[in-house]
Amino acid sequence: MCYLVVSYVQFVYVSWQMFCSSSSDSSDEEVVSSESPKKRPSLLLPLLACVLHEDDVRAPLKPRKIPFMTGIQWVEQKMKDPKEFYDMFRMRRSVFLMLHDTLLNNYQLKSSPYMCSKEALALFLWTCGSPQSNSNGVDRFGHSPSQISRKFAEVLQCVDRMVADYIKPRDPTFTVVHPTLRKPRFWPHFQNAIGAIDGTHIPVTVPANQKVMHMNRHGYTSENVMAVCDFDMRFTFVVTGWPGSVHDTRVWSDALVAYENYPHPPAGNLLIYAFISITYALFITACDVHFSLIIGKYYLVDSGYPNRVGYLAPYKGQRYHVPEFQQTAPVGEKEIFNHRHSSLRNVIERSFGVLKMKWRILRGIPSYPMDKQKMIISACMCYIITFVKVLYVMTF
């Protein structure tokens, strides 16, 4: 390094002398021109020395930061306090351990020489729950940026394999009537409802050439995510990846034919229903237990979806949403129907609200690749709304 400084000073000094000599009078120029070329100071030597020593001389590396506490030590410390653990990782310690064992045994979650599987899962949950950037993960867990990014992607891949096994109907035949539907205000009018369908917008970061396509009606770039949930707030089907400018009906109509695992509602026999409803109305009332075999099951949808077999929408032109009835009670048959319909369908709105409050990364996903952003959305839905509830049922 000292040799470089000396060479640079010598180069500047010689250059200044040449500049001064060129500005002298012609008599001086004749004297200089009469000198031998060997006595002229060389400008190439210092420059050549700088080039030769450029590869040999390097700035000293910054000493690696030694964390006060390693990542796994920090996780173990948080496990001692249930409230702090829940605040950091968005789930209880028992659920965390069960989730870790499930990913480890069934979905190929592995440890590495630099990070164990428990620390990797904690890193993933901590990043999605807060949310945190990659640099924050480096500072918190004490690993290199590449190691943090690689482990986050590995856990995300494991959860993506897990989604197909948990986001599905609990009862594929839909024969069990949910206890909520047996309440007097809903029975027997909604006894054949099996869940609700709706869409929500998740803010995402997209390239400049895709901003117009992902711009929604609210003025920000997003993905239109369609979801189906039951009355236990468990997601049974999720479609991600559609731009925010696409209407909910477009996503739904494509999902009907594009996905083999779409949970279609069981269809009934409409001819038998029409015949019995006209001639034997009393028979229907007496045999309401088997009524679903006649008219089939259906999902509750809002007015943005078509009202067709298997999908029950509210009356249009009437009050519908629950806050609209807070000041004035529903009046007439149509408003009473809309009010009870909205009270039941509101389960999916609550599910979306819990999802976004639990995993704050869904309030604005960072600039990951588009495929990775879709996987993050599915992973968050699988974790809090589905896997945790499955564990709750199995435990209690």
Protein backbone atom coordinates (compact mmCIF):
# COMPACT_ATOMS: atom_id res chain seq x y z
CA MET A 1 0.00 0.00 0.00
CA CYS A 2 2.86 2.43 0.81
CA TYR A 3 4.49 1.66 -2.53
CA LEU A 4 1.28 2.62 -4.31
CA VAL A 5 1.12 5.95 -2.50
CA VAL A 6 4.78 6.76 -3.30
CA SER A 7 4.30 5.82 -6.94
CA TYR A 8 1.19 7.94 -7.21
CA VAL A 9 2.98 10.99 -5.70
CA GLN A 10 5.90 10.49 -8.07
CA PHE A 11 3.54 10.31 -11.01
CA VAL A 12 1.79 13.56 -10.03
CA TYR A 13 5.11 15.33 -9.47
CA VAL A 14 6.57 14.34 -12.84
CA SER A 15 3.35 15.26 -14.61
CA TRP A 16 3.43 18.71 -13.04
CA GLN A 17 7.03 19.24 -14.10
CA MET A 18 6.20 18.27 -17.71
CA PHE A 19 3.30 20.66 -17.72
CA CYS A 20 5.47 23.53 -16.46
CA SER A 21 8.22 22.77 -18.95
CA SER A 22 5.76 22.79 -21.86
CA SER A 23 4.60 26.30 -20.94
CA SER A 24 8.13 27.83 -21.00
CA ASP A 25 9.48 29.94 -23.85
CA SER A 26 10.75 28.55 -27.14
CA SER A 27 14.36 28.89 -26.09
CA ASP A 28 13.72 26.57 -23.22
CA GLU A 29 11.97 24.19 -25.59
CA GLU A 30 15.03 24.09 -27.82
CA VAL A 31 17.21 23.27 -24.86
CA VAL A 32 14.89 20.54 -23.74
CA SER A 33 14.59 19.11 -27.22
CA SER A 34 18.36 18.94 -27.53
CA GLU A 35 18.61 16.73 -24.48
CA SER A 36 18.94 13.05 -24.78
CA PRO A 37 15.73 10.99 -24.49
CA LYS A 38 17.35 8.88 -21.78
CA LYS A 39 17.42 11.90 -19.42
CA ARG A 40 13.68 12.60 -19.84
CA PRO A 41 11.76 11.41 -16.80
CA SER A 42 9.63 8.36 -17.53
CA LEU A 43 5.90 8.58 -16.83
CA LEU A 44 5.21 4.91 -17.50
CA LEU A 45 7.19 3.46 -14.63
CA PRO A 46 4.96 4.71 -11.78
CA LEU A 47 1.87 3.86 -13.78
CA LEU A 48 3.16 0.37 -14.47
CA ALA A 49 3.96 -0.12 -10.81
CA CYS A 50 0.39 0.77 -9.86
CA VAL A 51 -1.01 -1.75 -12.33
CA LEU A 52 1.36 -4.54 -11.22
CA HIS A 53 0.59 -4.04 -7.54
CA GLU A 54 -3.16 -3.61 -8.00
CA ASP A 55 -3.79 -7.37 -7.84
CA ASP A 56 -1.29 -7.99 -5.07
CA VAL A 57 -2.40 -5.31 -2.64
CA ARG A 58 -5.88 -5.61 -1.12
CA ALA A 59 -7.67 -3.64 1.55
CA PRO A 60 -7.75 -5.55 4.81
CA LEU A 61 -10.97 -7.53 5.35
CA LYS A 62 -13.38 -6.31 7.97
CA PRO A 63 -13.33 -8.64 10.95
CA ARG A 64 -16.42 -10.81 11.15
CA LYS A 65 -18.95 -9.64 13.68
CA ILE A 66 -19.22 -12.02 16.60
CA PRO A 67 -22.85 -12.01 17.80
CA PHE A 68 -23.57 -11.61 21.47
CA MET A 69 -25.96 -14.58 21.16
CA THR A 70 -26.22 -17.14 18.38
CA GLY A 71 -29.48 -17.75 16.56
CA ILE A 72 -30.30 -21.03 18.24
CA GLN A 73 -29.44 -19.56 21.65
CA TRP A 74 -31.89 -16.72 20.98
CA VAL A 75 -34.61 -19.20 20.00
CA GLU A 76 -34.01 -21.29 23.13
CA GLN A 77 -34.15 -18.16 25.27
CA LYS A 78 -37.53 -17.16 23.77
CA MET A 79 -38.89 -20.64 24.42
CA LYS A 80 -38.54 -20.00 28.16
CA ASP A 81 -41.19 -17.26 28.00
CA PRO A 82 -44.50 -18.30 26.32
CA LYS A 83 -45.61 -14.73 25.60
CA GLU A 84 -42.32 -13.65 24.03
CA PHE A 85 -42.19 -16.84 21.98
CA TYR A 86 -45.70 -16.24 20.64
CA ASP A 87 -44.89 -12.61 19.81
CA MET A 88 -41.75 -13.57 17.89
CA PHE A 89 -42.92 -16.70 16.04
CA ARG A 90 -46.72 -16.23 15.95
CA MET A 91 -47.58 -19.61 17.50
CA ARG A 92 -47.34 -21.46 20.80
CA ARG A 93 -44.31 -23.51 21.74
CA SER A 94 -46.23 -26.81 21.57
CA VAL A 95 -47.47 -26.03 18.06
CA PHE A 96 -43.97 -24.99 17.01
CA LEU A 97 -42.49 -28.29 18.17
CA MET A 98 -45.23 -30.32 16.48
CA LEU A 99 -44.78 -28.35 13.28
CA HIS A 100 -41.03 -28.89 13.42
CA ASP A 101 -41.43 -32.64 13.88
CA THR A 102 -43.96 -32.82 11.03
CA LEU A 103 -41.69 -30.99 8.59
CA LEU A 104 -38.69 -33.00 9.75
CA ASN A 105 -40.32 -36.41 9.40
CA ASN A 106 -42.64 -35.96 6.43
CA TYR A 107 -41.49 -33.01 4.33
CA GLN A 108 -37.67 -33.28 4.17
CA LEU A 109 -36.70 -30.43 6.47
CA LYS A 110 -33.00 -30.96 7.24
CA SER A 111 -30.24 -29.42 9.32
CA SER A 112 -26.99 -28.11 7.88
CA PRO A 113 -23.50 -27.80 9.40
CA TYR A 114 -24.16 -24.11 10.11
CA MET A 115 -27.86 -24.08 11.06
CA CYS A 116 -30.07 -26.69 12.68
CA SER A 117 -33.63 -27.38 11.51
CA LYS A 118 -35.20 -25.77 14.57
CA GLU A 119 -33.31 -22.53 13.99
CA ALA A 120 -34.23 -22.58 10.28
CA LEU A 121 -37.95 -22.95 11.06
CA ALA A 122 -37.73 -20.16 13.64
CA LEU A 123 -36.04 -17.95 11.05
CA PHE A 124 -38.85 -18.59 8.58
CA LEU A 125 -41.64 -17.89 11.07
CA TRP A 126 -39.88 -14.79 12.41
CA THR A 127 -39.42 -13.42 8.89
CA CYS A 128 -43.06 -13.98 7.89
CA GLY A 129 -44.57 -12.79 11.14
CA SER A 130 -42.88 -9.44 11.62
CA PRO A 131 -41.95 -9.15 8.67
CA GLN A 132 -38.17 -8.92 8.55
CA SER A 133 -35.68 -8.36 5.74
CA ASN A 134 -32.74 -10.56 4.87
CA SER A 135 -30.31 -8.10 6.47
CA ASN A 136 -32.34 -8.21 9.69
CA GLY A 137 -32.05 -11.98 9.65
CA VAL A 138 -28.28 -11.69 9.26
CA ASP A 139 -28.09 -9.40 12.27
CA ARG A 140 -30.43 -11.49 14.44
CA PHE A 141 -29.20 -15.02 13.68
CA GLY A 142 -25.53 -14.24 12.98
CA HIS A 143 -25.23 -16.04 9.63
CA SER A 144 -24.16 -14.80 6.21
CA PRO A 145 -26.76 -13.27 3.86
CA SER A 146 -26.54 -16.21 1.47
CA GLN A 147 -27.06 -18.68 4.31
CA ILE A 148 -30.12 -16.80 5.58
CA SER A 149 -31.65 -16.61 2.09
CA ARG A 150 -30.92 -20.27 1.37
CA LYS A 151 -32.46 -21.54 4.60
CA PHE A 152 -35.57 -19.40 4.15
CA ALA A 153 -36.04 -20.90 0.68
CA GLU A 154 -35.50 -24.46 1.95
CA VAL A 155 -38.16 -24.16 4.65
CA LEU A 156 -40.51 -22.53 2.14
CA GLN A 157 -40.08 -25.50 -0.19
CA CYS A 158 -40.93 -27.90 2.64
CA VAL A 159 -44.09 -25.98 3.49
CA ASP A 160 -45.08 -25.91 -0.17
CA ARG A 161 -45.06 -29.73 -0.15
CA MET A 162 -47.17 -29.60 2.98
CA VAL A 163 -49.89 -27.36 1.52
CA ALA A 164 -51.53 -30.06 -0.60
CA ASP A 165 -51.98 -32.32 2.44
CA TYR A 166 -53.59 -29.74 4.71
CA ILE A 167 -55.51 -27.29 2.53
CA LYS A 168 -58.39 -29.62 1.67
CA PRO A 169 -61.89 -30.34 3.03
CA ARG A 170 -61.99 -32.09 6.36
CA ASP A 171 -65.01 -34.10 5.16
CA PRO A 172 -64.80 -34.61 1.36
CA THR A 173 -68.39 -35.87 1.19
CA PHE A 174 -69.82 -32.92 3.20
CA THR A 175 -72.24 -35.19 5.06
CA VAL A 176 -71.69 -33.70 8.53
CA VAL A 177 -73.73 -30.60 9.30
CA HIS A 178 -71.73 -27.96 11.15
CA PRO A 179 -73.06 -27.01 14.63
CA THR A 180 -73.28 -23.35 13.61
CA LEU A 181 -75.94 -24.20 11.05
CA ARG A 182 -78.11 -25.83 13.73
CA LYS A 183 -78.72 -22.51 15.48
CA PRO A 184 -82.38 -21.39 15.29
CA ARG A 185 -81.62 -18.34 13.14
CA PHE A 186 -79.99 -20.51 10.43
CA TRP A 187 -81.83 -23.85 10.69
CA PRO A 188 -83.26 -25.22 8.45
CA HIS A 189 -82.84 -22.51 5.81
CA PHE A 190 -79.01 -22.84 5.54
CA GLN A 191 -78.66 -26.45 6.64
CA ASN A 192 -76.99 -27.45 3.36
CA ALA A 193 -74.32 -24.73 3.33
CA ILE A 194 -70.79 -26.17 3.39
CA GLY A 195 -68.63 -23.02 3.44
CA ALA A 196 -67.94 -19.65 1.85
CA ILE A 197 -65.97 -18.38 -1.14
CA ASP A 198 -64.37 -14.98 -1.59
CA GLY A 199 -61.24 -13.24 -2.83
CA THR A 200 -58.73 -10.94 -1.18
CA HIS A 201 -55.90 -8.74 -2.41
CA ILE A 202 -52.35 -9.35 -1.14
CA PRO A 203 -49.90 -6.47 -1.86
CA VAL A 204 -46.90 -7.71 -3.85
CA THR A 205 -43.78 -6.24 -5.45
CA VAL A 206 -43.65 -6.76 -9.21
CA PRO A 207 -41.31 -5.70 -12.03
CA ALA A 208 -41.98 -2.39 -13.77
CA ASN A 209 -43.34 -4.07 -16.90
CA GLN A 210 -46.03 -5.89 -14.85
CA LYS A 211 -47.28 -3.03 -12.68
CA VAL A 212 -50.23 -2.15 -14.91
CA MET A 213 -51.43 -5.76 -14.97
CA HIS A 214 -51.20 -6.12 -11.17
CA MET A 215 -52.71 -2.72 -10.35
CA ASN A 216 -56.06 -3.25 -8.60
CA ARG A 217 -58.99 -0.89 -8.18
CA HIS A 218 -57.53 0.43 -4.93
CA GLY A 219 -54.43 1.77 -6.68
CA TYR A 220 -51.67 -0.62 -5.58
CA THR A 221 -50.11 -3.75 -7.08
CA SER A 222 -51.48 -6.99 -5.66
CA GLU A 223 -52.39 -10.61 -6.28
CA ASN A 224 -56.05 -11.60 -6.29
CA VAL A 225 -56.21 -14.68 -4.07
CA MET A 226 -59.38 -16.78 -4.10
CA ALA A 227 -60.07 -19.01 -1.13
CA VAL A 228 -62.70 -21.47 0.06
CA CYS A 229 -63.18 -22.01 3.79
CA ASP A 230 -65.52 -23.96 6.04
CA PHE A 231 -67.31 -22.68 9.13
CA ASP A 232 -64.31 -23.56 11.33
CA MET A 233 -62.26 -20.88 9.50
CA ARG A 234 -60.15 -23.56 7.83
CA PHE A 235 -59.11 -22.94 4.24
CA THR A 236 -60.07 -25.90 2.08
CA PHE A 237 -58.94 -24.54 -1.30
CA VAL A 238 -56.67 -21.65 -2.35
CA VAL A 239 -55.78 -20.15 -5.75
CA THR A 240 -52.86 -17.72 -5.93
CA GLY A 241 -50.99 -16.00 -8.73
CA TRP A 242 -53.73 -13.98 -10.42
CA PRO A 243 -52.97 -10.27 -11.01
CA GLY A 244 -54.85 -7.74 -8.91
CA SER A 245 -56.68 -6.31 -11.94
CA VAL A 246 -58.58 -9.58 -12.50
CA HIS A 247 -62.16 -9.84 -11.20
CA ASP A 248 -63.09 -12.42 -8.56
CA THR A 249 -65.48 -14.17 -10.94
CA ARG A 250 -62.71 -14.71 -13.48
CA VAL A 251 -60.53 -16.44 -10.90
CA TRP A 252 -63.41 -18.58 -9.70
CA SER A 253 -64.60 -19.64 -13.16
CA ASP A 254 -61.06 -20.70 -14.10
CA ALA A 255 -60.62 -22.66 -10.87
CA LEU A 256 -63.74 -24.73 -11.61
CA VAL A 257 -62.10 -26.38 -14.62
CA ALA A 258 -58.36 -25.88 -14.09
CA TYR A 259 -57.92 -27.68 -10.74
CA GLU A 260 -58.76 -31.32 -10.18
CA ASN A 261 -58.74 -30.88 -6.41
CA TYR A 262 -61.38 -28.13 -6.44
CA PRO A 263 -63.98 -29.13 -3.80
CA HIS A 264 -67.15 -29.07 -5.89
CA PRO A 265 -70.37 -29.04 -3.85
CA PRO A 266 -72.36 -32.30 -4.09
CA ALA A 267 -75.26 -31.91 -6.51
CA GLY A 268 -78.78 -33.09 -5.72
CA ASN A 269 -81.64 -34.21 -7.91
CA LEU A 270 -83.49 -31.08 -8.98
CA LEU A 271 -86.30 -33.01 -10.70
CA ILE A 272 -87.14 -34.86 -7.52
CA TYR A 273 -86.95 -31.61 -5.59
CA ALA A 274 -89.36 -29.85 -7.94
CA PHE A 275 -91.81 -32.75 -7.87
CA ILE A 276 -91.83 -33.06 -4.09
CA SER A 277 -91.95 -29.32 -3.44
CA ILE A 278 -95.11 -29.02 -5.52
CA THR A 279 -97.04 -32.11 -4.46
CA TYR A 280 -95.64 -33.14 -1.07
CA ALA A 281 -94.59 -30.01 0.80
CA LEU A 282 -95.38 -31.65 4.11
CA PHE A 283 -93.14 -34.59 3.23
CA ILE A 284 -90.19 -32.26 2.83
CA THR A 285 -90.80 -30.73 6.23
CA ALA A 286 -90.97 -34.13 7.88
CA CYS A 287 -87.86 -35.45 6.14
CA ASP A 288 -85.55 -32.47 6.43
CA VAL A 289 -82.73 -34.83 7.45
CA HIS A 290 -82.48 -36.17 3.91
CA PHE A 291 -83.24 -32.83 2.26
CA SER A 292 -79.60 -32.44 1.14
CA LEU A 293 -79.89 -35.56 -0.99
CA ILE A 294 -82.59 -33.79 -2.99
CA ILE A 295 -81.28 -30.25 -3.45
CA GLY A 296 -77.55 -30.84 -2.85
CA LYS A 297 -75.02 -28.70 -1.01
CA TYR A 298 -73.87 -25.16 -1.76
CA TYR A 299 -71.30 -22.47 -0.94
CA LEU A 300 -72.21 -18.98 0.24
CA VAL A 301 -70.93 -16.24 -2.10
CA ASP A 302 -71.39 -12.49 -2.33
CA SER A 303 -73.14 -10.57 -5.10
CA GLY A 304 -69.97 -10.54 -7.23
CA TYR A 305 -70.44 -14.24 -8.02
CA PRO A 306 -73.26 -15.77 -10.09
CA ASN A 307 -76.24 -17.28 -8.30
CA ARG A 308 -76.32 -20.83 -9.65
CA VAL A 309 -76.64 -24.43 -8.53
CA GLY A 310 -74.14 -25.07 -5.74
CA TYR A 311 -73.51 -21.35 -5.08
CA LEU A 312 -75.97 -19.23 -3.14
CA ALA A 313 -75.71 -15.44 -3.56
CA PRO A 314 -77.75 -12.75 -1.74
CA TYR A 315 -80.56 -10.66 -3.15
CA LYS A 316 -79.29 -7.71 -5.14
CA GLY A 317 -80.61 -4.22 -4.55
CA GLN A 318 -81.07 -4.87 -0.82
CA ARG A 319 -78.94 -4.22 2.23
CA TYR A 320 -76.48 -7.01 2.74
CA HIS A 321 -73.38 -6.42 4.87
CA VAL A 322 -73.69 -6.80 8.63
CA PRO A 323 -72.63 -3.19 9.50
CA GLU A 324 -75.54 -1.90 7.41
CA PHE A 325 -78.00 -3.43 9.89
CA GLN A 326 -76.46 -1.97 13.05
CA GLN A 327 -78.67 1.12 13.08
CA THR A 328 -81.83 -0.39 11.59
CA ALA A 329 -83.05 -3.96 11.82
CA PRO A 330 -83.72 -5.85 8.58
CA VAL A 331 -87.14 -5.26 7.07
CA GLY A 332 -88.88 -7.74 4.80
CA GLU A 333 -88.06 -11.27 3.76
CA LYS A 334 -85.22 -10.34 1.39
CA GLU A 335 -83.36 -8.23 3.94
CA ILE A 336 -83.79 -10.88 6.63
CA PHE A 337 -82.35 -13.45 4.24
CA ASN A 338 -79.45 -11.15 3.29
CA HIS A 339 -78.66 -10.42 6.93
CA ARG A 340 -78.44 -14.10 7.88
CA HIS A 341 -76.60 -14.93 4.68
CA SER A 342 -74.02 -12.22 5.42
CA SER A 343 -73.64 -13.40 9.02
CA LEU A 344 -72.72 -16.88 7.80
CA ARG A 345 -70.57 -15.82 4.86
CA ASN A 346 -68.66 -13.46 7.13
CA VAL A 347 -66.57 -16.44 8.26
CA ILE A 348 -64.26 -16.04 5.28
CA GLU A 349 -63.84 -12.32 5.94
CA ARG A 350 -62.78 -13.13 9.48
CA SER A 351 -60.37 -15.77 8.18
CA PHE A 352 -58.71 -13.25 5.89
CA GLY A 353 -58.46 -10.76 8.75
CA VAL A 354 -56.84 -13.26 11.12
CA LEU A 355 -54.47 -14.36 8.36
CA LYS A 356 -53.17 -10.86 7.62
CA MET A 357 -52.90 -9.91 11.28
CA LYS A 358 -51.00 -13.08 12.10
CA TRP A 359 -48.53 -13.00 9.21
CA ARG A 360 -47.61 -9.36 8.60
CA ILE A 361 -45.59 -10.22 5.51
CA LEU A 362 -48.93 -10.46 3.68
CA ARG A 363 -49.42 -6.73 4.16
CA GLY A 364 -46.63 -6.12 1.65
CA ILE A 365 -44.51 -8.99 0.33
CA PRO A 366 -40.91 -7.88 -0.44
CA SER A 367 -39.34 -8.13 -3.89
CA TYR A 368 -39.03 -11.91 -4.09
CA PRO A 369 -39.51 -13.69 -7.43
CA MET A 370 -43.19 -14.06 -8.35
CA ASP A 371 -43.23 -17.83 -7.80
CA LYS A 372 -41.72 -17.35 -4.36
CA GLN A 373 -44.33 -14.74 -3.45
CA LYS A 374 -47.13 -17.19 -4.37
CA MET A 375 -45.54 -19.87 -2.22
CA ILE A 376 -45.33 -17.47 0.74
CA ILE A 377 -49.07 -16.74 0.48
CA SER A 378 -49.96 -20.45 0.38
CA ALA A 379 -47.56 -21.21 3.25
CA CYS A 380 -49.12 -18.59 5.52
CA MET A 381 -52.62 -19.90 4.77
CA CYS A 382 -51.51 -23.46 5.47
CA TYR A 383 -49.86 -22.56 8.79
CA ILE A 384 -52.23 -20.49 10.83
CA ILE A 385 -55.68 -21.32 9.51
CA THR A 386 -55.28 -24.99 8.68
CA PHE A 387 -52.33 -26.72 10.35
CA VAL A 388 -52.81 -25.08 13.73
CA LYS A 389 -56.50 -26.00 13.79
CA VAL A 390 -55.74 -29.58 12.80
CA LEU A 391 -53.28 -29.81 15.70
CA TYR A 392 -55.88 -28.28 18.03
CA VAL A 393 -58.43 -30.93 17.05
CA MET A 394 -55.86 -33.73 17.42
CA THR A 395 -54.68 -32.44 20.82
CA PHE A 396 -57.97 -31.58 22.43
